[in-house]
N, C-alpha and C. Protein backbone atom coordinates (compact mmCIF):
# COMPACT_ATOMS: atom_id res chain seq x y z
N MET A 1 -29.35 -36.07 23.77
CA MET A 1 -30.55 -35.25 24.09
C MET A 1 -30.93 -34.36 22.85
N PHE A 2 -29.78 -33.89 22.29
CA PHE A 2 -30.12 -32.86 21.18
C PHE A 2 -30.75 -33.61 20.04
N LEU A 3 -30.25 -34.79 19.79
CA LEU A 3 -30.73 -35.71 18.56
C LEU A 3 -32.24 -35.97 18.87
N GLN A 4 -32.54 -36.41 20.11
CA GLN A 4 -34.05 -36.69 20.42
C GLN A 4 -34.79 -35.52 20.26
N PHE A 5 -34.36 -34.36 20.88
CA PHE A 5 -35.01 -33.08 20.76
C PHE A 5 -35.37 -32.78 19.34
N THR A 6 -34.45 -32.80 18.35
CA THR A 6 -34.47 -32.63 17.05
C THR A 6 -35.44 -33.51 16.39
N LEU A 7 -35.42 -34.74 16.67
CA LEU A 7 -36.29 -35.76 15.97
C LEU A 7 -37.74 -35.61 16.37
N GLU A 8 -37.98 -35.19 17.70
CA GLU A 8 -39.30 -34.93 18.10
C GLU A 8 -40.00 -33.78 17.32
N ARG A 9 -39.12 -32.74 17.03
CA ARG A 9 -39.69 -31.67 16.33
C ARG A 9 -39.82 -31.88 14.84
N HIS A 10 -39.33 -32.94 14.41
CA HIS A 10 -39.43 -33.34 12.96
C HIS A 10 -39.92 -34.77 12.74
N SER A 11 -41.14 -34.90 13.30
CA SER A 11 -41.68 -36.25 13.46
C SER A 11 -41.94 -36.96 12.15
N LYS A 12 -41.97 -36.11 11.05
CA LYS A 12 -42.13 -36.78 9.78
C LYS A 12 -40.92 -37.28 8.95
N PHE A 13 -39.75 -37.01 9.66
CA PHE A 13 -38.50 -37.49 9.12
C PHE A 13 -38.40 -39.06 9.38
N SER A 14 -38.36 -39.71 8.25
CA SER A 14 -38.14 -41.19 8.48
C SER A 14 -37.02 -41.79 7.54
N ASN A 15 -36.51 -41.08 6.64
CA ASN A 15 -35.30 -41.50 5.88
C ASN A 15 -34.11 -40.82 6.18
N PHE A 16 -33.13 -41.47 6.62
CA PHE A 16 -31.87 -40.86 7.10
C PHE A 16 -30.65 -41.35 6.31
N VAL A 17 -29.67 -40.49 6.28
CA VAL A 17 -28.27 -40.82 5.75
C VAL A 17 -27.30 -40.39 6.78
N GLU A 18 -26.38 -41.31 7.10
CA GLU A 18 -25.26 -41.01 8.07
C GLU A 18 -23.97 -41.24 7.42
N ILE A 19 -23.13 -40.23 7.48
CA ILE A 19 -21.72 -40.21 6.99
C ILE A 19 -20.77 -40.33 8.10
N GLY A 20 -20.20 -41.40 8.30
CA GLY A 20 -19.30 -41.70 9.42
C GLY A 20 -20.11 -42.68 10.46
N THR A 21 -20.06 -43.97 10.04
CA THR A 21 -20.67 -44.99 10.77
C THR A 21 -19.98 -45.23 11.96
N GLY A 22 -18.57 -45.36 12.03
CA GLY A 22 -17.92 -45.71 13.20
C GLY A 22 -18.21 -47.09 13.74
N ALA A 23 -18.50 -47.03 15.10
CA ALA A 23 -18.83 -48.37 15.72
C ALA A 23 -20.33 -48.80 15.48
N GLY A 24 -21.20 -47.74 14.82
CA GLY A 24 -22.47 -48.35 14.46
C GLY A 24 -23.54 -48.03 15.64
N VAL A 25 -23.13 -47.44 16.70
CA VAL A 25 -23.96 -47.18 17.84
C VAL A 25 -24.99 -46.06 17.45
N SER A 26 -24.45 -45.00 16.97
CA SER A 26 -25.48 -43.78 16.51
C SER A 26 -26.40 -44.05 15.43
N SER A 27 -25.98 -45.25 14.73
CA SER A 27 -26.89 -45.68 13.58
C SER A 27 -28.16 -46.21 14.13
N ILE A 28 -28.05 -46.84 15.33
CA ILE A 28 -29.26 -47.29 15.94
C ILE A 28 -30.20 -46.29 16.38
N LEU A 29 -29.74 -45.09 16.63
CA LEU A 29 -30.55 -44.03 17.06
C LEU A 29 -31.23 -43.41 15.93
N PHE A 30 -30.80 -43.55 14.64
CA PHE A 30 -31.63 -43.32 13.55
C PHE A 30 -32.48 -44.38 13.04
N GLY A 31 -32.00 -45.76 13.29
CA GLY A 31 -32.78 -46.86 12.76
C GLY A 31 -34.05 -47.01 13.54
N LEU A 32 -34.04 -46.59 14.79
CA LEU A 32 -35.37 -46.76 15.53
C LEU A 32 -36.44 -45.92 15.01
N PRO A 33 -36.26 -44.64 14.76
CA PRO A 33 -37.40 -43.79 14.21
C PRO A 33 -37.63 -44.18 12.83
N ALA A 34 -36.70 -44.72 12.11
CA ALA A 34 -36.95 -45.03 10.62
C ALA A 34 -37.84 -46.31 10.63
N ILE A 35 -37.80 -47.28 11.54
CA ILE A 35 -38.72 -48.34 11.46
C ILE A 35 -40.05 -47.96 12.10
N MET A 36 -40.01 -46.86 12.97
CA MET A 36 -41.29 -46.55 13.74
C MET A 36 -42.14 -45.55 12.97
N ARG A 37 -41.60 -44.99 11.93
CA ARG A 37 -42.16 -43.83 11.16
C ARG A 37 -42.52 -44.41 9.67
N ASP A 38 -43.44 -45.23 9.47
CA ASP A 38 -43.86 -45.65 8.25
C ASP A 38 -42.76 -46.14 7.23
N GLY A 39 -42.06 -47.11 7.64
CA GLY A 39 -41.11 -47.73 6.70
C GLY A 39 -39.98 -46.98 6.22
N GLY A 40 -39.33 -46.19 7.19
CA GLY A 40 -38.23 -45.29 6.68
C GLY A 40 -36.97 -46.25 6.64
N SER A 41 -35.75 -45.67 6.53
CA SER A 41 -34.55 -46.39 6.43
C SER A 41 -33.40 -45.57 6.76
N LEU A 42 -32.25 -46.05 7.19
CA LEU A 42 -30.97 -45.36 7.31
C LEU A 42 -29.97 -46.01 6.34
N TYR A 43 -29.32 -45.19 5.45
CA TYR A 43 -28.11 -45.57 4.64
C TYR A 43 -27.00 -44.88 5.30
N THR A 44 -26.02 -45.68 5.57
CA THR A 44 -24.83 -45.30 6.38
C THR A 44 -23.57 -45.54 5.75
N PHE A 45 -22.61 -44.66 5.64
CA PHE A 45 -21.35 -44.92 4.87
C PHE A 45 -20.15 -44.65 5.83
N ASP A 46 -19.17 -45.43 5.53
CA ASP A 46 -17.87 -45.01 6.13
C ASP A 46 -16.61 -45.57 5.40
N ILE A 47 -15.50 -45.04 5.44
CA ILE A 47 -14.34 -45.46 4.88
C ILE A 47 -13.75 -46.79 5.34
N VAL A 48 -14.00 -47.14 6.47
CA VAL A 48 -13.68 -48.44 7.11
C VAL A 48 -14.83 -49.00 7.66
N ASP A 49 -14.92 -50.31 8.01
CA ASP A 49 -15.86 -51.05 8.68
C ASP A 49 -15.37 -51.44 10.09
N VAL A 50 -15.69 -50.71 11.01
CA VAL A 50 -15.28 -51.01 12.44
C VAL A 50 -16.59 -51.16 13.34
N ARG A 51 -17.62 -51.57 12.76
CA ARG A 51 -18.76 -51.76 13.55
C ARG A 51 -18.67 -52.72 14.58
N LEU A 52 -19.32 -52.53 15.79
CA LEU A 52 -19.22 -53.41 16.86
C LEU A 52 -20.16 -54.56 16.65
N PRO A 53 -19.85 -55.87 17.04
CA PRO A 53 -20.78 -57.01 16.96
C PRO A 53 -22.07 -56.73 17.58
N SER A 54 -22.01 -56.15 18.74
CA SER A 54 -23.14 -55.70 19.61
C SER A 54 -24.12 -54.77 18.90
N ALA A 55 -23.47 -53.78 18.20
CA ALA A 55 -24.28 -52.87 17.43
C ALA A 55 -25.04 -53.66 16.14
N LEU A 56 -24.22 -54.51 15.59
CA LEU A 56 -24.73 -55.29 14.46
C LEU A 56 -25.90 -56.26 14.92
N ARG A 57 -25.93 -56.63 16.00
CA ARG A 57 -27.05 -57.38 16.64
C ARG A 57 -28.26 -56.57 16.60
N ALA A 58 -28.12 -55.34 17.12
CA ALA A 58 -29.17 -54.47 17.16
C ALA A 58 -29.75 -54.07 15.75
N TRP A 59 -28.69 -53.91 14.86
CA TRP A 59 -29.12 -53.49 13.47
C TRP A 59 -29.89 -54.53 12.85
N SER A 60 -29.90 -55.79 13.09
CA SER A 60 -30.50 -56.87 12.49
C SER A 60 -32.08 -56.71 12.49
N ALA A 61 -32.57 -56.03 13.55
CA ALA A 61 -34.10 -55.71 13.61
C ALA A 61 -34.43 -54.39 12.84
N LEU A 62 -33.38 -53.72 12.39
CA LEU A 62 -33.62 -52.40 11.90
C LEU A 62 -33.42 -52.13 10.41
N PRO A 63 -33.99 -51.14 9.81
CA PRO A 63 -33.74 -51.01 8.31
C PRO A 63 -32.51 -50.04 8.10
N ILE A 64 -31.41 -50.65 8.38
CA ILE A 64 -30.08 -50.04 8.31
C ILE A 64 -29.16 -50.60 7.28
N PHE A 65 -28.69 -49.94 6.30
CA PHE A 65 -27.85 -50.46 5.28
C PHE A 65 -26.50 -49.78 5.25
N PHE A 66 -25.51 -50.49 5.37
CA PHE A 66 -24.19 -50.02 5.41
C PHE A 66 -23.36 -50.16 4.15
N GLU A 67 -22.56 -49.28 3.57
CA GLU A 67 -21.80 -49.38 2.50
C GLU A 67 -20.44 -48.61 2.89
N LYS A 68 -19.35 -49.49 2.51
CA LYS A 68 -17.96 -48.93 2.77
C LYS A 68 -17.64 -47.94 1.57
N ALA A 69 -17.28 -46.77 1.82
CA ALA A 69 -17.07 -45.82 0.68
C ALA A 69 -16.19 -44.67 1.35
N ASP A 70 -15.43 -44.02 0.33
CA ASP A 70 -14.64 -42.85 0.84
C ASP A 70 -15.40 -41.66 0.37
N LEU A 71 -16.16 -40.99 1.18
CA LEU A 71 -17.04 -39.88 0.73
C LEU A 71 -16.26 -38.56 0.68
N ASP A 72 -15.07 -38.60 1.11
CA ASP A 72 -14.11 -37.45 0.85
C ASP A 72 -13.26 -37.44 -0.19
N ALA A 73 -13.56 -38.39 -0.96
CA ALA A 73 -12.66 -38.50 -2.30
C ALA A 73 -12.88 -37.35 -3.18
N ASP A 74 -12.14 -37.09 -4.34
CA ASP A 74 -12.11 -36.03 -5.16
C ASP A 74 -13.53 -35.66 -5.83
N LEU A 75 -14.14 -37.02 -6.22
CA LEU A 75 -15.49 -36.92 -6.74
C LEU A 75 -16.48 -37.41 -5.74
N PRO A 76 -17.70 -36.89 -5.88
CA PRO A 76 -18.83 -37.31 -4.99
C PRO A 76 -19.09 -38.81 -5.43
N TRP A 77 -19.43 -39.60 -4.44
CA TRP A 77 -19.88 -40.96 -4.59
C TRP A 77 -21.32 -41.03 -4.91
N GLU A 78 -21.73 -41.73 -6.05
CA GLU A 78 -23.13 -41.50 -6.50
C GLU A 78 -24.04 -42.24 -5.77
N PRO A 79 -23.80 -43.44 -5.13
CA PRO A 79 -24.85 -44.06 -4.27
C PRO A 79 -25.19 -43.22 -3.07
N ALA A 80 -24.18 -42.40 -2.53
CA ALA A 80 -24.50 -41.57 -1.45
C ALA A 80 -25.34 -40.43 -1.86
N MET A 81 -25.05 -39.98 -3.04
CA MET A 81 -25.78 -38.84 -3.57
C MET A 81 -27.25 -39.24 -3.71
N VAL A 82 -27.45 -40.29 -4.23
CA VAL A 82 -28.76 -40.79 -4.52
C VAL A 82 -29.54 -40.91 -3.15
N ALA A 83 -28.91 -41.71 -2.30
CA ALA A 83 -29.50 -41.92 -0.89
C ALA A 83 -29.82 -40.43 -0.19
N THR A 84 -28.99 -39.65 -0.38
CA THR A 84 -29.29 -38.29 0.22
C THR A 84 -30.50 -37.65 -0.56
N ARG A 85 -30.72 -37.68 -1.74
CA ARG A 85 -31.81 -37.02 -2.34
C ARG A 85 -33.14 -37.61 -1.93
N LYS A 86 -33.06 -38.86 -1.29
CA LYS A 86 -34.33 -39.47 -0.79
C LYS A 86 -34.45 -39.21 0.62
N ALA A 87 -33.31 -38.73 1.29
CA ALA A 87 -33.40 -38.66 2.77
C ALA A 87 -34.14 -37.31 3.34
N ASP A 88 -34.55 -37.38 4.60
CA ASP A 88 -35.17 -36.41 5.22
C ASP A 88 -34.14 -35.61 5.98
N LEU A 89 -33.04 -36.45 6.59
CA LEU A 89 -32.08 -35.88 7.42
C LEU A 89 -30.85 -36.44 7.02
N LEU A 90 -29.80 -35.64 7.03
CA LEU A 90 -28.31 -36.02 6.83
C LEU A 90 -27.56 -35.77 8.09
N PHE A 91 -27.03 -36.94 8.59
CA PHE A 91 -26.09 -36.80 9.79
C PHE A 91 -24.72 -36.93 9.27
N VAL A 92 -24.00 -35.79 9.55
CA VAL A 92 -22.57 -35.83 9.24
C VAL A 92 -21.57 -35.90 10.37
N ASP A 93 -20.82 -37.04 10.40
CA ASP A 93 -19.81 -37.41 11.48
C ASP A 93 -18.64 -38.05 10.84
N GLY A 94 -18.41 -37.68 9.74
CA GLY A 94 -17.28 -38.23 8.95
C GLY A 94 -15.93 -37.55 9.06
N GLY A 95 -14.94 -37.79 8.17
CA GLY A 95 -13.58 -37.19 8.33
C GLY A 95 -13.51 -35.58 7.93
N ASN A 96 -14.29 -35.31 6.83
CA ASN A 96 -14.29 -33.85 6.38
C ASN A 96 -15.63 -33.33 6.63
N ARG A 97 -16.04 -32.87 7.62
CA ARG A 97 -17.36 -32.53 7.86
C ARG A 97 -17.81 -31.44 7.03
N LEU A 98 -17.06 -30.38 6.74
CA LEU A 98 -17.46 -29.31 5.70
C LEU A 98 -17.61 -29.83 4.48
N LEU A 99 -16.62 -30.52 3.80
CA LEU A 99 -16.91 -31.01 2.57
C LEU A 99 -18.05 -31.99 2.43
N GLU A 100 -18.25 -32.79 3.38
CA GLU A 100 -19.45 -33.66 3.36
C GLU A 100 -20.78 -33.07 3.50
N SER A 101 -20.90 -31.97 4.34
CA SER A 101 -22.08 -31.22 4.62
C SER A 101 -22.39 -30.44 3.48
N LEU A 102 -21.39 -29.95 2.69
CA LEU A 102 -21.74 -29.14 1.49
C LEU A 102 -22.09 -29.91 0.15
N ARG A 103 -21.19 -31.11 0.11
CA ARG A 103 -21.31 -31.88 -1.12
C ARG A 103 -22.73 -32.68 -1.07
N TYR A 104 -22.89 -33.36 -0.03
CA TYR A 104 -24.15 -34.22 0.19
C TYR A 104 -25.28 -33.59 0.74
N GLY A 105 -24.95 -32.55 1.63
CA GLY A 105 -26.13 -31.59 2.11
C GLY A 105 -26.82 -30.95 0.94
N SER A 106 -26.05 -30.71 -0.18
CA SER A 106 -26.70 -29.91 -1.43
C SER A 106 -27.71 -30.96 -2.05
N GLN A 107 -27.66 -32.15 -1.80
CA GLN A 107 -28.41 -33.09 -2.43
C GLN A 107 -29.93 -33.09 -1.60
N LEU A 108 -29.98 -32.64 -0.47
CA LEU A 108 -31.12 -32.61 0.39
C LEU A 108 -32.32 -31.81 -0.39
N ARG A 109 -33.49 -32.27 -0.13
CA ARG A 109 -34.66 -31.49 -0.65
C ARG A 109 -34.89 -30.22 0.27
N GLN A 110 -35.68 -29.32 -0.24
CA GLN A 110 -36.12 -28.21 0.68
C GLN A 110 -37.01 -28.74 1.89
N GLY A 111 -36.56 -28.37 3.13
CA GLY A 111 -37.23 -28.87 4.17
C GLY A 111 -36.33 -29.96 4.92
N GLY A 112 -35.29 -30.39 4.22
CA GLY A 112 -34.46 -31.59 4.78
C GLY A 112 -33.63 -30.91 5.84
N GLY A 113 -33.20 -31.76 6.76
CA GLY A 113 -32.42 -31.43 7.91
C GLY A 113 -30.89 -31.86 7.73
N LEU A 114 -30.06 -31.13 8.23
CA LEU A 114 -28.53 -31.56 8.26
C LEU A 114 -28.13 -31.41 9.75
N LEU A 115 -27.74 -32.51 10.28
CA LEU A 115 -27.25 -32.51 11.70
C LEU A 115 -25.63 -32.74 11.59
N ILE A 116 -24.94 -31.89 12.14
CA ILE A 116 -23.50 -31.99 12.08
C ILE A 116 -22.89 -32.25 13.48
N HIS A 117 -22.19 -33.43 13.58
CA HIS A 117 -21.81 -33.85 14.95
C HIS A 117 -20.43 -33.14 15.32
N ASP A 118 -20.17 -32.96 16.51
CA ASP A 118 -18.75 -32.38 16.78
C ASP A 118 -18.63 -31.02 16.26
N TRP A 119 -19.67 -30.26 16.24
CA TRP A 119 -19.57 -28.90 15.43
C TRP A 119 -18.51 -28.01 16.16
N LEU A 120 -18.55 -27.90 17.59
CA LEU A 120 -17.73 -27.05 18.16
C LEU A 120 -16.20 -27.45 17.96
N GLY A 121 -16.01 -28.77 18.23
CA GLY A 121 -14.58 -29.22 18.15
C GLY A 121 -13.93 -29.16 16.93
N TYR A 122 -14.94 -29.37 15.81
CA TYR A 122 -14.34 -29.53 14.47
C TYR A 122 -14.13 -28.05 13.90
N PHE A 123 -15.07 -27.25 13.95
CA PHE A 123 -15.07 -26.01 13.22
C PHE A 123 -14.37 -24.86 14.04
N GLY A 124 -14.53 -24.87 15.36
CA GLY A 124 -13.78 -23.93 16.17
C GLY A 124 -14.06 -22.46 15.65
N SER A 125 -12.89 -21.83 15.32
CA SER A 125 -12.94 -20.32 15.13
C SER A 125 -13.55 -20.03 13.79
N ASN A 126 -13.80 -21.19 13.01
CA ASN A 126 -14.33 -20.97 11.61
C ASN A 126 -15.83 -21.08 11.58
N GLU A 127 -16.44 -20.98 12.81
CA GLU A 127 -17.91 -21.29 12.82
C GLU A 127 -18.76 -20.34 12.04
N ASP A 128 -18.48 -19.09 12.03
CA ASP A 128 -19.21 -18.14 11.35
C ASP A 128 -19.05 -18.27 9.75
N GLU A 129 -17.81 -18.56 9.45
CA GLU A 129 -17.53 -18.71 8.09
C GLU A 129 -18.21 -19.99 7.54
N THR A 130 -18.27 -21.06 8.36
CA THR A 130 -18.99 -22.32 7.82
C THR A 130 -20.47 -22.18 7.90
N LYS A 131 -21.06 -21.41 8.79
CA LYS A 131 -22.57 -21.17 8.76
C LYS A 131 -22.75 -20.33 7.45
N GLY A 132 -21.85 -19.38 7.06
CA GLY A 132 -22.14 -18.58 5.85
C GLY A 132 -22.04 -19.42 4.60
N MET A 133 -21.17 -20.45 4.51
CA MET A 133 -21.20 -21.40 3.48
C MET A 133 -22.41 -22.15 3.35
N LEU A 134 -22.95 -22.69 4.50
CA LEU A 134 -24.06 -23.50 4.53
C LEU A 134 -25.49 -22.57 4.21
N ARG A 135 -25.42 -21.17 4.62
CA ARG A 135 -26.45 -20.36 4.26
C ARG A 135 -26.40 -20.16 2.58
N ASP A 136 -25.18 -20.23 2.07
CA ASP A 136 -25.17 -20.04 0.66
C ASP A 136 -25.80 -21.22 -0.18
N VAL A 137 -25.98 -22.38 0.45
CA VAL A 137 -26.58 -23.48 -0.25
C VAL A 137 -28.04 -23.74 0.37
N GLY A 138 -28.56 -22.72 1.12
CA GLY A 138 -29.83 -22.80 1.48
C GLY A 138 -30.22 -23.12 2.94
N PHE A 139 -29.14 -23.46 3.82
CA PHE A 139 -29.36 -23.89 5.09
C PHE A 139 -29.44 -22.82 6.18
N VAL A 140 -30.37 -22.97 7.16
CA VAL A 140 -30.52 -21.97 8.26
C VAL A 140 -30.36 -22.85 9.63
N GLU A 141 -29.60 -22.38 10.39
CA GLU A 141 -29.45 -23.02 11.68
C GLU A 141 -30.65 -23.03 12.57
N GLN A 142 -30.97 -24.12 13.35
CA GLN A 142 -32.21 -24.28 14.14
C GLN A 142 -31.79 -24.77 15.62
N TYR A 143 -32.49 -24.31 16.54
CA TYR A 143 -32.34 -24.79 17.91
C TYR A 143 -31.00 -24.77 18.52
N SER A 144 -30.09 -23.71 18.20
CA SER A 144 -28.75 -23.57 18.72
C SER A 144 -28.79 -23.22 20.19
N ASP A 145 -29.89 -22.58 20.60
CA ASP A 145 -29.94 -22.22 22.12
C ASP A 145 -30.16 -23.45 22.85
N PHE A 146 -30.92 -24.34 22.36
CA PHE A 146 -31.13 -25.63 23.05
C PHE A 146 -30.03 -26.44 23.05
N SER A 147 -29.29 -26.62 21.98
CA SER A 147 -28.05 -27.19 21.93
C SER A 147 -27.08 -26.82 22.69
N GLU A 148 -26.86 -25.45 23.01
CA GLU A 148 -25.88 -25.06 23.87
C GLU A 148 -26.36 -25.21 25.31
N HIS A 149 -27.64 -25.11 25.53
CA HIS A 149 -28.16 -25.37 26.89
C HIS A 149 -27.93 -26.68 27.45
N VAL A 150 -28.01 -27.68 26.61
CA VAL A 150 -27.75 -29.02 27.08
C VAL A 150 -26.22 -29.46 26.78
N GLY A 151 -25.43 -28.57 26.38
CA GLY A 151 -24.01 -28.97 26.21
C GLY A 151 -23.75 -29.84 24.98
N SER A 152 -24.52 -29.78 23.99
CA SER A 152 -24.40 -30.63 22.88
C SER A 152 -23.27 -29.90 21.94
N ALA A 153 -22.43 -30.62 21.37
CA ALA A 153 -21.47 -30.16 20.36
C ALA A 153 -22.18 -30.16 18.97
N ALA A 154 -23.29 -30.77 18.88
CA ALA A 154 -23.93 -30.82 17.50
C ALA A 154 -24.70 -29.64 17.16
N ARG A 155 -24.94 -29.43 15.73
CA ARG A 155 -25.80 -28.32 15.31
C ARG A 155 -26.60 -28.80 14.20
N PHE A 156 -27.82 -28.29 14.15
CA PHE A 156 -28.73 -28.68 13.12
C PHE A 156 -29.15 -27.53 12.34
N PHE A 157 -29.39 -27.83 10.98
CA PHE A 157 -29.86 -26.92 10.07
C PHE A 157 -30.89 -27.41 9.26
N ILE A 158 -31.86 -26.52 8.76
CA ILE A 158 -32.93 -27.01 7.80
C ILE A 158 -32.61 -26.24 6.52
N ARG A 159 -32.84 -27.09 5.41
CA ARG A 159 -32.63 -26.53 3.99
C ARG A 159 -34.00 -25.78 3.66
N MET A 160 -33.70 -24.58 3.76
CA MET A 160 -35.09 -23.62 3.60
C MET A 160 -35.14 -23.37 1.92
N GLU A 161 -34.18 -23.43 1.23
CA GLU A 161 -34.24 -23.24 -0.20
C GLU A 161 -33.33 -23.99 -0.89
N VAL A 162 -33.46 -24.52 -2.19
CA VAL A 162 -32.67 -25.22 -2.87
C VAL A 162 -32.11 -24.31 -3.89
N THR A 163 -30.78 -24.04 -3.93
CA THR A 163 -30.01 -23.17 -4.68
C THR A 163 -29.56 -23.77 -5.87
């Protein structure tokens, strides 16, 4: 519900990057607006390929591109950096959400969105510190009241300035 709410408010977002593909189901939720919004796309990355056959069938009609990569490695992975520079929204659902949010989120343009999945369960008591780190690279949280109202563990940030 929170994802739909966010995408409705940012109807010009058509190019997406997903870190943490998993079974590939959430990829479909980004692939649909990508195809419906003027030829967008989704680039999705994961360290392992565990995509479900049923998800792959749905992918076949959508502009979704998967690459196997370790985005938590010591050095940034250039193809993911390039994809994020072209993206309107970065969805982080990988192994090290803070590293991925800061490393790849820093490649988003001004006005780009950062959606972090499992925010509450992952950051817990470090929530304020994490928000401070994101602020330091130009991100401001949006829609937290709605996220809490609907019981979403995700949080959304807009890149207000490029630092």
